[in-house]
Protein backbone atom coordinates (compact mmCIF):
# COMPACT_ATOMS: atom_id res chain seq x y z
CA MET A 1 -43.31 68.67 -12.83
CA GLY A 2 -46.65 70.22 -11.96
CA ALA A 3 -47.55 73.79 -11.23
CA GLU A 4 -47.58 73.21 -7.56
CA ASP A 5 -43.98 72.08 -7.67
CA TYR A 6 -42.39 75.52 -8.44
CA LEU A 7 -44.46 77.87 -6.26
CA GLN A 8 -42.42 80.84 -4.83
CA GLU A 9 -42.27 81.34 -1.14
CA PRO A 10 -45.68 81.03 0.53
CA LEU A 11 -47.74 84.02 1.40
CA THR A 12 -47.85 85.42 4.86
CA GLY A 13 -50.31 87.56 6.80
CA ASP A 14 -53.78 88.02 5.68
CA GLU A 15 -53.13 87.27 1.99
CA VAL A 16 -55.19 84.39 0.43
CA ALA A 17 -53.11 81.58 -0.81
CA TRP A 18 -53.70 80.58 -4.52
CA THR A 19 -55.54 77.37 -5.48
CA LYS A 20 -55.60 75.91 -8.99
CA GLY A 21 -58.65 77.00 -10.93
CA GLU A 22 -61.59 74.73 -11.16
CA THR A 23 -64.53 74.69 -13.57
CA GLN A 24 -67.45 76.55 -12.00
CA GLU A 25 -71.04 75.33 -11.80
CA ASN A 26 -72.99 76.26 -14.99
CA LYS A 27 -75.06 79.17 -13.90
CA CYS A 28 -75.33 82.93 -14.84
CA ARG A 29 -73.05 85.28 -12.97
CA ASP A 30 -73.07 88.99 -12.48
CA LEU A 31 -76.56 88.78 -14.17
CA PRO A 32 -77.79 92.36 -13.30
CA PHE A 33 -75.14 93.74 -15.49
CA ALA A 34 -76.17 91.71 -18.46
CA LEU A 35 -79.74 92.60 -18.11
CA LEU A 36 -78.65 96.40 -17.85
CA PHE A 37 -76.63 95.94 -20.99
CA TYR A 38 -79.64 94.57 -22.97
CA ALA A 39 -81.86 97.42 -21.67
CA HIS A 40 -79.24 99.93 -22.90
CA LEU A 41 -79.16 98.33 -26.43
CA ILE A 42 -82.89 98.38 -26.63
CA SER A 43 -82.94 102.14 -25.51
CA MET A 44 -80.32 103.08 -28.18
CA ALA A 45 -82.24 101.21 -30.91
CA VAL A 46 -85.49 103.02 -29.96
CA VAL A 47 -83.66 106.47 -29.99
CA SER A 48 -82.16 105.68 -33.34
CA VAL A 49 -85.58 104.82 -34.94
CA ILE A 50 -87.59 107.63 -33.32
CA TYR A 51 -85.16 110.43 -33.59
CA GLY A 52 -82.13 109.33 -35.75
CA LEU A 53 -83.92 108.31 -38.99
CA PRO A 54 -86.06 111.61 -39.13
CA ALA A 55 -82.96 113.63 -38.58
CA LEU A 56 -81.24 112.14 -41.76
CA ASP A 57 -83.81 114.12 -43.82
CA ASP A 58 -83.65 117.16 -41.67
CA THR A 59 -81.28 119.39 -43.70
CA ARG A 60 -81.09 123.09 -42.65
CA THR A 61 -80.11 125.68 -45.27
CA GLU A 62 -79.11 129.29 -45.54
CA VAL A 63 -79.21 131.82 -48.30
CA VAL A 64 -75.81 133.25 -49.13
CA ASP A 65 -74.96 136.30 -51.14
CA VAL A 66 -72.37 135.22 -53.81
CA GLY A 67 -71.93 138.77 -55.34
CA ASN A 68 -73.41 140.56 -58.28
CA GLY A 69 -76.82 140.47 -56.61
CA ASP A 70 -76.87 136.65 -56.96
CA GLU A 71 -77.87 134.40 -54.05
CA GLU A 72 -77.11 130.77 -53.32
CA GLU A 73 -78.82 128.24 -51.01
CA ARG A 74 -76.23 126.32 -49.04
CA GLN A 75 -76.57 123.49 -46.59
CA LEU A 76 -75.94 124.11 -42.92
CA GLU A 77 -76.29 120.58 -41.62
CA ASP A 78 -76.38 117.36 -43.54
CA TYR A 79 -76.61 114.47 -41.20
CA ALA A 80 -76.90 111.87 -43.99
CA GLY A 81 -73.28 112.70 -45.19
CA LEU A 82 -71.77 112.09 -41.75
CA PHE A 83 -73.69 108.82 -41.47
CA LYS A 84 -72.63 107.72 -44.97
CA LEU A 85 -69.07 108.59 -44.07
CA SER A 86 -69.19 106.54 -40.81
CA LEU A 87 -70.62 103.59 -42.56
CA ILE A 88 -68.06 103.44 -45.38
CA SER A 89 -65.15 104.04 -42.85
CA GLY A 90 -66.63 101.13 -40.82
CA CYS A 91 -66.63 98.72 -43.83
CA SER A 92 -63.00 99.82 -44.64
CA ALA A 93 -61.87 99.35 -41.17
CA LEU A 94 -63.48 95.81 -41.22
CA ILE A 95 -61.32 94.95 -44.32
CA LEU A 96 -58.12 96.60 -42.87
CA SER A 97 -58.59 94.93 -39.52
CA ALA A 98 -59.01 91.50 -40.96
CA LEU A 99 -55.81 92.07 -43.14
CA ALA A 100 -53.90 93.14 -39.95
CA LEU A 101 -55.11 89.97 -38.18
CA VAL A 102 -53.89 87.86 -40.92
CA ILE A 103 -50.34 89.50 -40.91
CA MET A 104 -50.27 89.03 -37.26
CA ILE A 105 -51.07 85.39 -37.50
CA ARG A 106 -48.41 84.99 -40.15
CA LEU A 107 -45.58 87.26 -38.98
CA GLY A 108 -46.61 87.74 -35.33
CA ALA A 109 -43.22 86.75 -33.79
CA ALA A 110 -41.19 88.79 -36.23
CA LEU A 111 -43.27 91.86 -35.48
CA VAL A 112 -42.25 92.01 -31.92
CA LYS A 113 -38.97 93.44 -32.66
CA THR A 114 -40.27 95.65 -35.35
CA ALA A 115 -42.81 97.10 -33.08
CA LEU A 116 -40.27 97.91 -30.43
CA LEU A 117 -37.78 99.53 -32.90
CA THR A 118 -40.67 101.42 -34.64
CA SER A 119 -41.87 102.96 -31.26
CA VAL A 120 -38.23 104.08 -30.58
CA GLY A 121 -37.80 105.59 -34.08
CA LEU A 122 -41.08 107.48 -33.99
CA SER A 123 -39.83 109.26 -30.97
CA LEU A 124 -36.67 110.39 -32.92
CA VAL A 125 -38.93 111.38 -35.87
CA PHE A 126 -41.06 113.42 -33.68
CA ALA A 127 -38.11 115.27 -32.14
CA VAL A 128 -36.65 116.02 -35.47
CA GLY A 129 -40.03 117.37 -36.78
CA CYS A 130 -40.39 119.59 -33.70
CA PHE A 131 -36.91 121.09 -34.12
CA VAL A 132 -37.51 121.69 -37.85
CA ALA A 133 -40.82 123.43 -37.00
CA GLY A 134 -38.96 125.50 -34.29
CA GLN A 135 -40.81 123.80 -31.41
CA ILE A 136 -37.88 123.63 -29.16
CA VAL A 137 -39.78 122.25 -26.17
CA GLY A 138 -41.35 119.60 -28.16
CA GLY A 139 -38.08 118.60 -29.72
CA VAL A 140 -36.40 118.23 -26.21
CA ILE A 141 -39.32 116.11 -25.08
CA GLY A 142 -38.97 114.06 -28.23
CA ILE A 143 -35.17 113.42 -27.64
CA LEU A 144 -35.90 112.52 -23.93
CA SER A 145 -38.55 110.10 -25.13
CA PHE A 146 -36.03 108.64 -27.70
CA LEU A 147 -33.40 108.15 -25.08
CA CYS A 148 -35.82 106.48 -22.64
CA GLY A 149 -37.08 104.25 -25.46
CA CYS A 150 -33.48 103.23 -26.23
CA CYS A 151 -32.89 102.34 -22.52
CA TYR A 152 -36.12 100.41 -22.42
CA ALA A 153 -35.21 98.52 -25.59
CA ARG A 154 -31.83 97.70 -24.22
CA ILE A 155 -33.40 96.38 -21.03
CA VAL A 156 -36.14 94.12 -22.59
CA TRP A 157 -34.10 93.08 -25.62
CA SER A 158 -33.19 89.69 -23.98
CA ARG A 159 -36.95 88.97 -23.24
CA ILE A 160 -37.96 89.32 -26.99
CA PRO A 161 -37.39 85.47 -27.50
CA PHE A 162 -39.78 84.71 -24.73
CA ALA A 163 -42.36 87.21 -26.03
CA ALA A 164 -42.09 85.68 -29.45
CA ALA A 165 -42.34 82.11 -28.19
CA ASN A 166 -45.40 83.06 -26.21
CA LEU A 167 -46.98 84.75 -29.23
CA LYS A 168 -46.03 81.75 -31.36
CA THR A 169 -47.85 79.41 -29.05
CA GLY A 170 -50.93 81.56 -28.91
CA LEU A 171 -51.08 82.05 -32.60
CA THR A 172 -50.59 78.24 -33.07
CA ALA A 173 -53.57 77.65 -30.84
CA VAL A 174 -55.59 80.11 -32.86
CA ASN A 175 -54.62 78.50 -36.15
CA GLU A 176 -55.58 75.09 -34.92
CA ASN A 177 -58.95 76.49 -33.83
CA PHE A 178 -59.47 78.85 -36.85
CA GLY A 179 -63.04 79.16 -35.99
CA LEU A 180 -62.00 81.94 -33.54
CA ILE A 181 -61.32 84.08 -36.50
CA PHE A 182 -64.84 83.63 -37.78
CA VAL A 183 -66.19 84.50 -34.33
CA ALA A 184 -64.07 87.68 -34.36
CA TYR A 185 -65.42 88.59 -37.89
CA PHE A 186 -68.99 88.02 -36.73
CA LEU A 187 -68.48 90.08 -33.57
CA VAL A 188 -66.75 92.89 -35.46
CA ILE A 189 -69.60 93.01 -37.91
CA LEU A 190 -71.93 93.25 -34.98
CA ALA A 191 -69.73 96.25 -33.85
CA LEU A 192 -70.04 97.84 -37.22
CA GLY A 193 -73.85 97.48 -36.94
CA TYR A 194 -73.99 99.03 -33.52
CA THR A 195 -71.74 101.84 -34.76
CA ALA A 196 -74.49 102.68 -37.42
CA VAL A 197 -77.14 102.56 -34.64
CA TRP A 198 -75.06 104.69 -32.32
CA ALA A 199 -74.38 107.21 -35.15
CA LEU A 200 -78.10 107.44 -35.81
CA SER A 201 -78.79 107.95 -32.15
CA MET A 202 -76.23 110.65 -31.88
CA ILE A 203 -77.53 112.51 -34.91
CA GLY A 204 -81.04 112.25 -33.50
CA VAL A 205 -80.15 113.48 -30.12
CA TYR A 206 -78.08 116.30 -31.58
CA ASP A 207 -80.91 117.24 -33.91
CA VAL A 208 -83.51 117.17 -31.15
CA ALA A 209 -81.75 118.24 -28.13
CA GLY A 210 -78.68 120.19 -29.20
CA ASP A 211 -78.42 123.50 -27.53
CA CYS A 212 -78.60 126.43 -29.80
CA LEU A 213 -75.92 128.91 -29.03
CA VAL A 214 -76.75 132.29 -30.84
CA LYS A 215 -73.94 133.72 -32.74
CA LYS A 216 -72.53 137.03 -31.44
CA ASP A 217 -70.69 139.86 -33.08
CA ASP A 218 -67.26 141.33 -31.91
CA THR A 219 -69.06 143.41 -29.27
CA GLY A 220 -70.84 140.49 -27.78
CA GLU A 221 -74.29 141.38 -29.13
CA ASP A 222 -76.59 138.83 -30.78
CA ILE A 223 -76.24 138.83 -34.50
CA THR A 224 -79.74 137.16 -34.86
CA GLU A 225 -82.21 135.37 -32.91
CA ASP A 226 -83.14 133.13 -35.82
CA GLU A 227 -83.13 129.49 -34.55
CA ASP A 228 -81.54 128.32 -37.73
CA ASP A 229 -78.64 130.86 -37.58
CA CYS A 230 -76.73 129.57 -34.57
CA GLU A 231 -74.09 127.22 -33.37
CA ARG A 232 -75.50 124.03 -32.21
CA GLN A 233 -73.88 121.99 -29.36
CA ILE A 234 -75.05 118.77 -27.84
CA ASN A 235 -76.01 118.89 -24.29
CA ALA A 236 -73.09 117.51 -22.07
CA GLY A 237 -75.46 115.05 -20.21
CA TYR A 238 -76.48 113.44 -23.44
CA MET A 239 -73.02 113.25 -24.71
CA VAL A 240 -71.87 111.53 -21.62
CA LEU A 241 -74.62 108.81 -21.93
CA LEU A 242 -73.86 108.40 -25.60
CA LEU A 243 -70.07 107.94 -24.95
CA VAL A 244 -70.76 105.38 -22.17
CA SER A 245 -72.95 103.50 -24.60
CA PHE A 246 -70.30 103.56 -27.36
CA PHE A 247 -67.32 102.53 -25.08
CA TRP A 248 -69.46 99.96 -23.09
CA THR A 249 -70.57 98.20 -26.25
CA GLN A 250 -67.11 98.24 -27.71
CA GLN A 251 -65.57 96.83 -24.51
CA VAL A 252 -68.30 94.07 -24.33
CA ILE A 253 -67.67 92.82 -27.89
CA GLN A 254 -63.94 92.94 -27.36
CA ASN A 255 -64.10 90.99 -24.01
CA THR A 256 -66.55 88.64 -25.49
CA ILE A 257 -63.88 87.67 -27.87
CA GLN A 258 -61.25 87.59 -25.11
CA VAL A 259 -63.35 85.15 -22.93
CA THR A 260 -64.10 82.97 -26.01
CA VAL A 261 -60.39 82.77 -27.01
CA ALA A 262 -59.42 82.02 -23.41
CA GLY A 263 -61.82 79.13 -23.06
CA THR A 264 -60.70 77.71 -26.45
CA ILE A 265 -56.99 78.03 -25.55
CA GLY A 266 -57.73 76.18 -22.32
CA SER A 267 -59.33 73.35 -24.08
CA TRP A 268 -56.35 73.32 -26.53
CA TRP A 269 -53.94 73.30 -23.48
CA PHE A 270 -55.54 70.44 -21.57
CA THR A 271 -57.64 68.29 -23.97
CA LEU A 272 -56.02 68.33 -27.37
CA ASN A 273 -58.75 65.99 -29.05
CA GLU A 274 -61.39 68.83 -28.47
CA SER A 275 -59.56 71.50 -30.06
CA ASN A 276 -58.00 70.39 -33.25
CA SER A 277 -60.56 71.50 -35.87
CA CYS A 278 -61.84 74.68 -37.16
CA CYS A 279 -65.07 74.90 -35.52
CA GLY A 280 -64.88 72.18 -32.89
CA SER A 281 -66.52 71.92 -29.56
CA ALA A 282 -63.82 73.91 -27.95
CA VAL A 283 -64.74 77.04 -29.89
CA THR A 284 -68.51 76.57 -29.86
CA SER A 285 -68.72 75.71 -26.16
CA SER A 286 -66.50 78.71 -25.24
CA LEU A 287 -68.57 81.10 -27.38
CA CYS A 288 -71.69 79.72 -25.73
CA ARG A 289 -70.40 80.27 -22.22
CA ALA A 290 -69.13 83.87 -23.17
CA THR A 291 -72.57 84.89 -24.38
CA THR A 292 -74.63 83.27 -21.73
CA THR A 293 -73.42 82.26 -18.27
CA SER A 294 -70.36 84.57 -18.27
CA PHE A 295 -71.94 87.47 -20.10
CA GLY A 296 -72.82 89.38 -16.96
CA SER A 297 -69.19 89.16 -15.90
CA ILE A 298 -68.19 90.61 -19.26
CA CYS A 299 -70.64 93.44 -18.91
CA PHE A 300 -69.61 94.28 -15.38
CA GLY A 301 -65.91 94.87 -16.16
CA SER A 302 -66.68 96.44 -19.56
CA LEU A 303 -69.01 99.01 -17.81
CA ILE A 304 -66.34 100.15 -15.38
CA VAL A 305 -63.93 100.67 -18.20
CA ALA A 306 -66.52 102.53 -20.33
CA ILE A 307 -67.33 104.99 -17.45
CA ILE A 308 -63.62 105.69 -16.97
CA GLU A 309 -62.99 106.19 -20.71
CA THR A 310 -65.97 108.59 -20.90
CA LEU A 311 -64.73 110.62 -18.02
CA ARG A 312 -61.30 110.96 -19.60
CA VAL A 313 -62.84 111.98 -22.89
CA MET A 314 -64.91 114.75 -21.12
CA ILE A 315 -61.89 115.89 -19.07
CA GLU A 316 -59.76 116.11 -22.16
CA SER A 317 -62.43 118.15 -23.92
CA ALA A 318 -62.70 120.48 -21.01
CA ARG A 319 -58.84 120.96 -21.15
CA ARG A 320 -59.06 122.04 -24.79
CA ASP A 321 -61.37 124.86 -23.84
CA HIS A 322 -60.18 125.74 -20.32
CA ASP A 323 -56.81 124.12 -19.54
CA GLY A 324 -55.62 124.39 -15.90
CA ILE A 325 -53.67 122.59 -13.29
CA ILE A 326 -56.85 120.99 -11.73
CA LEU A 327 -57.97 119.53 -15.06
CA CYS A 328 -54.46 118.26 -15.77
CA ILE A 329 -54.32 116.55 -12.38
CA LEU A 330 -57.73 114.99 -12.95
CA ASP A 331 -56.62 113.88 -16.40
CA CYS A 332 -53.57 112.23 -15.02
CA CYS A 333 -55.51 110.41 -12.26
CA ILE A 334 -58.25 109.13 -14.66
CA SER A 335 -55.49 107.98 -16.96
CA CYS A 336 -53.80 105.95 -14.15
CA LEU A 337 -57.10 104.56 -12.97
CA GLN A 338 -58.01 103.51 -16.52
CA ASN A 339 -54.71 101.66 -16.96
CA ALA A 340 -55.20 99.86 -13.65
CA VAL A 341 -58.63 98.77 -14.41
CA GLU A 342 -57.72 97.69 -18.02
CA TYR A 343 -54.74 95.77 -16.56
CA PHE A 344 -57.03 93.87 -14.11
CA ASN A 345 -59.53 93.16 -16.72
CA LYS A 346 -56.96 91.85 -19.25
CA TRP A 347 -56.03 89.03 -16.71
CA ALA A 348 -59.46 88.49 -14.97
CA TYR A 349 -61.33 87.66 -18.26
CA ILE A 350 -58.76 84.86 -18.88
CA TYR A 351 -59.95 83.17 -15.69
CA VAL A 352 -63.58 83.92 -16.68
CA GLY A 353 -63.03 82.08 -19.87
CA LEU A 354 -61.12 79.23 -18.57
CA TYR A 355 -63.29 78.45 -15.50
CA GLY A 356 -66.43 80.49 -15.61
CA TYR A 357 -65.60 82.60 -12.32
CA SER A 358 -67.47 85.77 -11.56
CA TYR A 359 -65.71 88.97 -12.62
CA LEU A 360 -64.35 89.97 -9.24
CA LYS A 361 -63.34 86.46 -8.17
CA ALA A 362 -61.63 85.70 -11.43
CA GLY A 363 -59.49 88.81 -11.05
CA LYS A 364 -58.63 88.05 -7.48
CA ASN A 365 -57.71 84.50 -8.27
CA VAL A 366 -55.45 85.17 -11.26
CA MET A 367 -53.58 88.02 -9.44
CA THR A 368 -53.00 85.81 -6.55
CA LEU A 369 -51.59 83.20 -8.94
CA PHE A 370 -49.10 85.76 -10.46
CA ARG A 371 -48.14 87.06 -6.90
CA GLU A 372 -47.36 83.59 -5.80
CA ARG A 373 -45.19 82.83 -8.83
CA GLY A 374 -43.35 86.22 -8.37
CA TRP A 375 -44.50 87.28 -11.78
CA GLN A 376 -45.80 90.76 -10.92
CA THR A 377 -42.91 92.40 -12.91
CA ILE A 378 -42.84 89.87 -15.74
CA ILE A 379 -46.66 90.25 -16.60
CA THR A 380 -46.09 94.00 -16.98
CA ASP A 381 -43.82 93.60 -19.96
CA ASP A 382 -45.65 95.18 -22.87
CA LEU A 383 -43.68 93.71 -25.85
CA ILE A 384 -46.73 91.84 -27.34
CA SER A 385 -49.20 94.60 -26.39
CA ASN A 386 -47.07 97.20 -28.08
CA THR A 387 -47.02 95.01 -31.20
CA ILE A 388 -50.69 94.79 -31.27
CA LEU A 389 -51.12 98.42 -30.54
CA LEU A 390 -48.86 99.36 -33.58
CA ALA A 391 -50.89 97.15 -35.90
CA SER A 392 -54.17 98.80 -34.57
CA PHE A 393 -52.88 102.31 -35.13
CA VAL A 394 -51.65 101.49 -38.66
CA ALA A 395 -55.10 100.05 -39.53
CA ALA A 396 -56.78 103.14 -37.87
CA GLY A 397 -54.46 105.57 -39.67
CA LEU A 398 -55.24 103.83 -43.09
CA THR A 399 -59.00 104.15 -42.28
CA GLY A 400 -58.56 107.79 -41.47
CA VAL A 401 -56.97 108.23 -45.03
CA VAL A 402 -60.03 106.63 -46.48
CA GLY A 403 -62.16 109.22 -44.55
CA ILE A 404 -60.17 112.06 -46.14
CA THR A 405 -60.37 110.43 -49.40
CA ILE A 406 -64.20 110.27 -49.24
CA ASP A 407 -64.40 113.91 -48.07
CA ALA A 408 -62.21 114.83 -51.12
CA VAL A 409 -64.44 112.92 -53.56
CA LYS A 410 -67.83 113.80 -51.84
CA ASP A 411 -67.02 117.24 -50.47
CA ASP A 412 -70.70 118.12 -50.10
CA TRP A 413 -71.23 115.41 -47.45
CA LEU A 414 -69.52 117.33 -44.68
CA SER A 415 -68.74 120.85 -45.99
CA GLY A 416 -72.12 122.30 -45.28
CA THR A 417 -72.16 121.03 -41.71
CA PHE A 418 -68.45 121.47 -40.71
CA GLU A 419 -67.29 124.06 -43.37
CA ASP A 420 -63.48 124.37 -43.01
CA ASP A 421 -63.14 121.57 -40.48
CA ALA A 422 -64.63 118.93 -42.83
CA GLN A 423 -61.33 117.21 -43.58
CA THR A 424 -60.44 117.09 -39.93
CA VAL A 425 -63.84 115.79 -38.93
CA ALA A 426 -63.58 113.09 -41.78
CA PHE A 427 -60.12 111.95 -40.61
CA LEU A 428 -60.96 111.77 -37.02
CA THR A 429 -64.32 109.97 -37.43
CA ALA A 430 -62.80 107.43 -39.67
CA PHE A 431 -59.71 107.00 -37.44
CA ILE A 432 -61.65 106.48 -34.31
CA ILE A 433 -63.93 103.95 -35.96
CA GLY A 434 -60.86 102.17 -37.50
CA LEU A 435 -59.13 102.08 -34.08
CA VAL A 436 -62.12 100.63 -32.33
CA MET A 437 -62.73 97.94 -35.12
CA SER A 438 -58.97 97.01 -35.34
CA THR A 439 -58.69 96.74 -31.52
CA ILE A 440 -61.62 94.42 -31.40
CA MET A 441 -60.36 92.27 -34.21
CA LEU A 442 -56.81 91.97 -32.97
CA SER A 443 -57.95 91.22 -29.53
CA VAL A 444 -57.94 87.57 -30.63
CA VAL A 445 -54.08 87.83 -30.64
CA ALA A 446 -53.84 89.53 -27.45
CA SER A 447 -56.24 87.23 -25.72
CA ALA A 448 -54.43 84.17 -27.02
CA ALA A 449 -51.08 85.52 -25.74
CA ASN A 450 -52.56 86.44 -22.46
CA ALA A 451 -54.20 83.04 -21.95
CA VAL A 452 -50.90 81.24 -22.77
CA ILE A 453 -49.18 83.31 -19.88
CA VAL A 454 -51.77 82.45 -17.32
CA LEU A 455 -51.70 78.62 -18.22
CA PHE A 456 -48.03 78.56 -18.51
CA ALA A 457 -48.06 79.78 -14.83
CA GLU A 458 -50.76 77.41 -13.81
CA ALA A 459 -50.32 74.20 -15.74
CA PRO A 460 -46.91 73.79 -17.35
CA ALA A 461 -46.79 70.04 -16.88
CA GLU A 462 -50.17 69.63 -18.95
CA PHE A 463 -48.60 71.91 -21.64
CA GLU A 464 -45.53 69.62 -21.70
CA THR A 465 -47.80 66.55 -22.22
CA SER A 466 -50.11 67.93 -24.97
CA HIS A 467 -47.61 70.07 -26.81
CA PRO A 468 -44.06 69.13 -25.99
CA GLU A 469 -42.38 71.06 -28.85
CA LEU A 470 -44.03 74.37 -28.08
CA SER A 471 -43.49 73.77 -24.43
CA GLY A 472 -39.77 73.15 -24.95
CA GLU A 473 -39.51 76.46 -26.82
CA MET A 474 -41.25 78.47 -24.17
CA ARG A 475 -39.28 76.93 -21.34
CA GLU A 476 -35.91 77.63 -23.10
CA ALA A 477 -36.87 81.10 -23.72
CA TRP A 478 -38.07 81.55 -20.22
CA ARG A 479 -34.71 80.35 -18.91
CA MET A 480 -32.90 82.95 -21.01
CA ALA A 481 -35.34 85.80 -20.22
CA TYR A 482 -36.07 85.21 -16.49
CA PRO A 483 -33.46 82.89 -15.05
CA ALA A 484 -34.11 84.19 -11.55
CA THR A 485 -37.71 82.97 -11.68
CA CYS A 486 -37.23 79.87 -13.67
CA GLY A 487 -38.58 76.86 -11.73
CA PHE A 488 -38.02 74.14 -14.36
């Protein structure tokens, strides 16, 4: 039975009917965005060399009276310490992310239930913690979250077998094309290298263009006009550009993995003989397309997400200083927009990897496919996504612990610059780096599962022919989870 044999009711009105995907002509798509991305990388490299490297040696000091007429010279800013912390945290995140990926591959299906139960349990722990600390409002919110989590778990419990079968199929394909893991390692190492360049650029910009806010006493009078005795704060415009650069590059690397995985899974799905080796033509050709003809499409969608993420960070930062109803509404709107765009990207890049469509056309085609199948609700199930998110946060949390440990052992790296906030800065810096690195690494698993869903909707007959055992498991699990939409 082919994909065309179990379509839902045909579309009416002005909606465009879905047609099965076809391999596109071998040419570059969305090229201007790829050129813009390369230009941005060159700019960041130039800034890191011209301003970042000199800033590492630019250590400001102050003379402090320590009593009994003795004075001591203390560091005010030591950029080298922050850079070293970032680099060590990145290396730690690389190891922890690789370990998380191996665990996902070996125990992926079993982790689906674990992640669901853990998310519910954390809500209860949060509520108890708030009540113990006397935070009644937080405790009530935690209880409501726990109850909602229990209801959600009850609703989706019957769908766990299909999520597990879906994840098993995707991980089987990854195991049979293990070269994808090496691709992920390589790209995560690139991400680590870029993190170093970005950190240098940020330090250089902070050192050269940071606004000097003169310290004031309780009456509002300037304590001193000495340039070295002030609170330095980076200009908001430069901070926006730096954040866009960081998020854009992270998204590009992550989506390059997603497109490469999708192309490889497509070959494994349709033509088994091309995708049954570690570094066969399925992996190499998919990686080649992702980094050449489809790279502009990757940069296009990634830039949209990067801009939205930057806006959200800036709004959340503003809320910490001046919270209000307007900022709260903006934060909510930006959050919803970010979720919508990331949802669109998640499926669009599968079609980019499978057939080489441009970014917008790929998204349109795959959404039309799901709409005709009647799968709009089905693809919003987050069982696998929640599993991967939990693994990412665990890896990020452990990286944060590494950051705190480094600060405890090397307390002079950050104490002069951040004083009493050194441990907080160490944890947050390491945690963010760990979260980014683990998200990129585990995108292999997410991409494999997403590609299987798209192909299961589009070409179930080919799956039955090439992998009958896995196809049988997915069909049986589908019948139990979604009997109303089962067409086979």
